[in-house]
Protein backbone atom coordinates (compact mmCIF):
# COMPACT_ATOMS: atom_id res chain seq x y z
CA MET A 1 -17.84 15.49 -25.54
CA GLU A 2 -14.73 13.28 -25.25
CA MET A 3 -12.92 16.05 -23.39
CA LYS A 4 -15.80 16.35 -20.93
CA ASN A 5 -15.70 12.57 -20.29
CA TYR A 6 -11.93 12.76 -19.89
CA MET A 7 -12.22 15.59 -17.38
CA ASN A 8 -14.91 13.73 -15.41
CA SER A 9 -12.70 10.64 -15.31
CA PHE A 10 -9.72 12.75 -14.32
CA ARG A 11 -11.72 14.33 -11.48
CA GLN A 12 -12.79 10.92 -10.23
CA VAL A 13 -9.23 9.63 -10.27
CA SER A 14 -8.00 12.82 -8.63
CA LEU A 15 -10.58 12.41 -5.87
CA LEU A 16 -9.54 8.79 -5.38
CA LEU A 17 -5.88 9.76 -5.21
CA LEU A 18 -6.61 12.61 -2.83
CA THR A 19 -8.56 10.25 -0.58
CA LEU A 20 -5.73 7.75 -0.73
CA LEU A 21 -3.09 10.37 0.06
CA LEU A 22 -5.12 11.90 2.88
CA SER A 23 -5.65 8.49 4.40
CA ILE A 24 -1.88 7.93 4.30
CA ASN A 25 -1.20 11.22 6.09
CA ALA A 26 -4.13 11.23 8.48
CA LEU A 27 -3.83 7.73 9.83
CA ALA A 28 -0.86 6.72 11.91
CA ASP A 29 -1.74 3.05 11.74
CA HIS A 30 -1.56 1.52 8.31
CA LYS A 31 -4.48 -0.84 8.78
CA ASN A 32 -6.51 1.26 6.37
CA LEU A 33 -3.96 1.04 3.59
CA ILE A 34 -2.80 -2.12 1.86
CA MET A 35 0.65 -1.66 0.35
CA GLY A 36 3.33 -3.66 -1.37
CA ARG A 37 6.64 -3.10 -3.09
CA SER A 38 7.93 -4.96 -6.11
CA TYR A 39 11.60 -4.94 -7.03
CA GLU A 40 10.66 -5.62 -10.64
CA ALA A 41 10.34 -2.89 -13.24
CA PHE A 42 7.00 -1.13 -13.71
CA PRO A 43 5.94 -2.96 -16.92
CA GLU A 44 6.52 -6.41 -15.41
CA THR A 45 4.76 -5.44 -12.18
CA MET A 46 1.82 -3.94 -14.07
CA SER A 47 1.45 -7.12 -16.10
CA ALA A 48 1.62 -9.26 -12.95
CA LEU A 49 -0.96 -7.04 -11.22
CA GLN A 50 -3.44 -7.42 -14.05
CA SER A 51 -2.88 -11.19 -14.15
CA GLU A 52 -3.38 -11.55 -10.38
CA ILE A 53 -6.56 -9.46 -10.44
CA LYS A 54 -7.97 -11.77 -13.11
CA ASN A 55 -6.73 -14.88 -11.27
CA ALA A 56 -8.63 -13.68 -8.18
CA GLY A 57 -11.87 -13.72 -10.19
CA TYR A 58 -12.20 -10.01 -10.88
CA THR A 59 -12.63 -8.11 -14.12
CA ILE A 60 -10.48 -5.07 -14.89
CA SER A 61 -12.80 -2.25 -15.83
CA MET A 62 -10.23 0.45 -16.58
CA VAL A 63 -6.58 1.38 -16.27
CA GLN A 64 -6.29 5.12 -15.74
CA ARG A 65 -3.05 6.90 -16.54
CA VAL A 66 -2.39 9.47 -13.86
CA ASP A 67 1.14 10.48 -14.79
CA ILE A 68 0.00 12.59 -17.75
CA GLY A 69 -2.24 14.75 -15.57
CA LEU A 70 0.39 15.06 -12.86
CA THR A 71 3.17 16.08 -15.24
CA GLY A 72 0.74 18.53 -16.84
CA MET A 73 0.36 20.15 -13.40
CA GLY A 74 4.13 20.42 -12.98
CA PHE A 75 4.84 17.30 -10.93
CA LYS A 76 7.80 15.13 -11.83
CA THR A 77 6.63 11.56 -12.00
CA ASP A 78 7.44 8.35 -13.73
CA LYS A 79 4.80 5.75 -14.47
CA TYR A 80 1.63 6.09 -12.40
CA ARG A 81 -1.63 4.19 -12.96
CA VAL A 82 -4.82 3.29 -11.14
CA VAL A 83 -6.25 -0.12 -12.00
CA PHE A 84 -10.01 -0.31 -11.41
CA PHE A 85 -11.54 -3.75 -11.01
CA GLY A 86 -14.50 -5.61 -9.60
CA LYS A 87 -17.02 -8.35 -10.03
CA LEU A 88 -19.69 -7.25 -12.48
CA ASP A 89 -22.61 -8.55 -10.42
CA GLU A 90 -21.37 -6.68 -7.30
CA ILE A 91 -20.71 -3.46 -9.17
CA LYS A 92 -24.27 -3.56 -10.52
CA SER A 93 -26.14 -4.77 -7.44
CA LEU A 94 -24.39 -3.18 -4.45
CA PRO A 95 -25.03 0.49 -5.37
CA LYS A 96 -28.73 -0.28 -5.70
CA LYS A 97 -28.84 -1.63 -2.17
CA TYR A 98 -26.20 0.74 -0.72
CA PRO A 99 -26.18 3.94 -2.85
CA LYS A 100 -23.51 5.58 -0.67
CA LEU A 101 -21.12 2.79 -1.67
CA THR A 102 -21.10 3.99 -5.30
CA PRO A 103 -17.99 6.25 -5.01
CA TYR A 104 -15.95 3.28 -3.78
CA LEU A 105 -16.74 1.07 -6.75
CA PRO A 106 -15.07 -0.41 -8.65
CA LEU A 107 -12.19 -1.32 -6.36
CA ALA A 108 -8.82 0.21 -7.21
CA ILE A 109 -5.13 -0.45 -6.81
CA THR A 110 -2.67 2.37 -7.44
CA ILE A 111 0.65 1.37 -8.99
CA PHE A 112 3.60 3.68 -9.55
CA ALA A 113 7.30 3.53 -10.28
CA GLU A 114 9.69 4.78 -7.63
CA ASP A 115 13.31 4.68 -8.73
CA GLN A 116 14.00 1.02 -9.59
CA GLU A 117 11.00 -0.32 -7.65
CA THR A 118 7.25 -0.36 -8.13
CA ILE A 119 4.82 0.51 -5.34
CA LEU A 120 1.28 -0.85 -5.07
CA ALA A 121 -1.33 0.65 -2.75
CA SER A 122 -5.04 0.28 -2.15
CA MET A 123 -7.50 1.57 0.40
CA SER A 124 -8.59 -1.21 2.70
CA PRO A 125 -12.35 -1.83 2.79
CA ARG A 126 -11.83 -1.67 6.59
CA PHE A 127 -11.50 2.11 6.14
CA ILE A 128 -15.11 2.53 5.00
CA ALA A 129 -16.68 -0.44 6.81
CA PRO A 130 -17.83 1.51 9.90
CA ASP A 131 -19.91 3.80 7.68
CA PHE A 132 -21.79 0.85 6.19
CA ILE A 133 -21.81 -1.93 8.75
CA LYS A 134 -23.94 -0.77 11.65
CA THR A 135 -26.34 -3.62 12.36
CA GLU A 136 -26.52 -7.37 11.98
CA GLU A 137 -28.62 -6.79 8.88
CA ASP A 138 -25.46 -5.52 7.21
CA ASN A 139 -23.74 -8.90 7.64
CA GLU A 140 -23.85 -9.48 3.87
CA LEU A 141 -21.82 -6.33 3.32
CA LYS A 142 -19.43 -7.24 6.16
CA ILE A 143 -18.68 -10.55 4.44
CA ILE A 144 -18.12 -8.77 1.10
CA PHE A 145 -15.78 -6.19 2.68
CA GLU A 146 -13.78 -8.94 4.38
CA ARG A 147 -13.47 -10.84 1.09
CA TRP A 148 -12.41 -7.68 -0.74
CA GLU A 149 -9.75 -6.94 1.87
CA HIS A 150 -8.46 -10.53 1.77
CA ASP A 151 -8.40 -10.55 -2.04
CA ILE A 152 -6.65 -7.17 -2.32
CA GLU A 153 -4.06 -8.23 0.26
CA ASN A 154 -3.43 -11.48 -1.63
CA ILE A 155 -3.19 -9.74 -5.01
CA ILE A 156 -0.69 -7.18 -3.72
CA GLU A 157 1.27 -9.84 -1.81
CA LYS A 158 1.60 -12.06 -4.90
CA VAL A 159 2.61 -9.15 -7.12
CA SER A 160 5.13 -7.96 -4.52
CA ASN A 161 6.82 -11.35 -4.63
CA ILE A 162 7.20 -11.80 -8.40
CA GLU A 163 10.66 -12.68 -9.62
């Protein structure tokens, strides 16, 4: 049963990474991707990322190791994680009101080592907003998406500037 749960989690992370990578390739403008680069080592950057997520009022729901799966498939990679986070009340209430939003929750920031630097990336809520915000009745969701984007940008900006 644990293996089945692991495989389901791995598939979800793989889908998230595939979506992230496709959005990088498919979109010439980078408005749909929020990125940052830290010149600190991976462990220090990972610690700072988790602290900044908490400081922004979010709860970390899971840190998924991706490097194990990638190396198992023959890729050479260093440290690679996806940090899932959100606000508990939003994660519970939003899918009830907007079921199609479920695959995008909780929010996620990908963090990976690249040589002596650490890269952070997250899909901007702006990427999915047109699929959900179609009328003035969706103003509540528009405000939430704007806050998420602002918070993710701030988190990544702060982590990118640690010394």
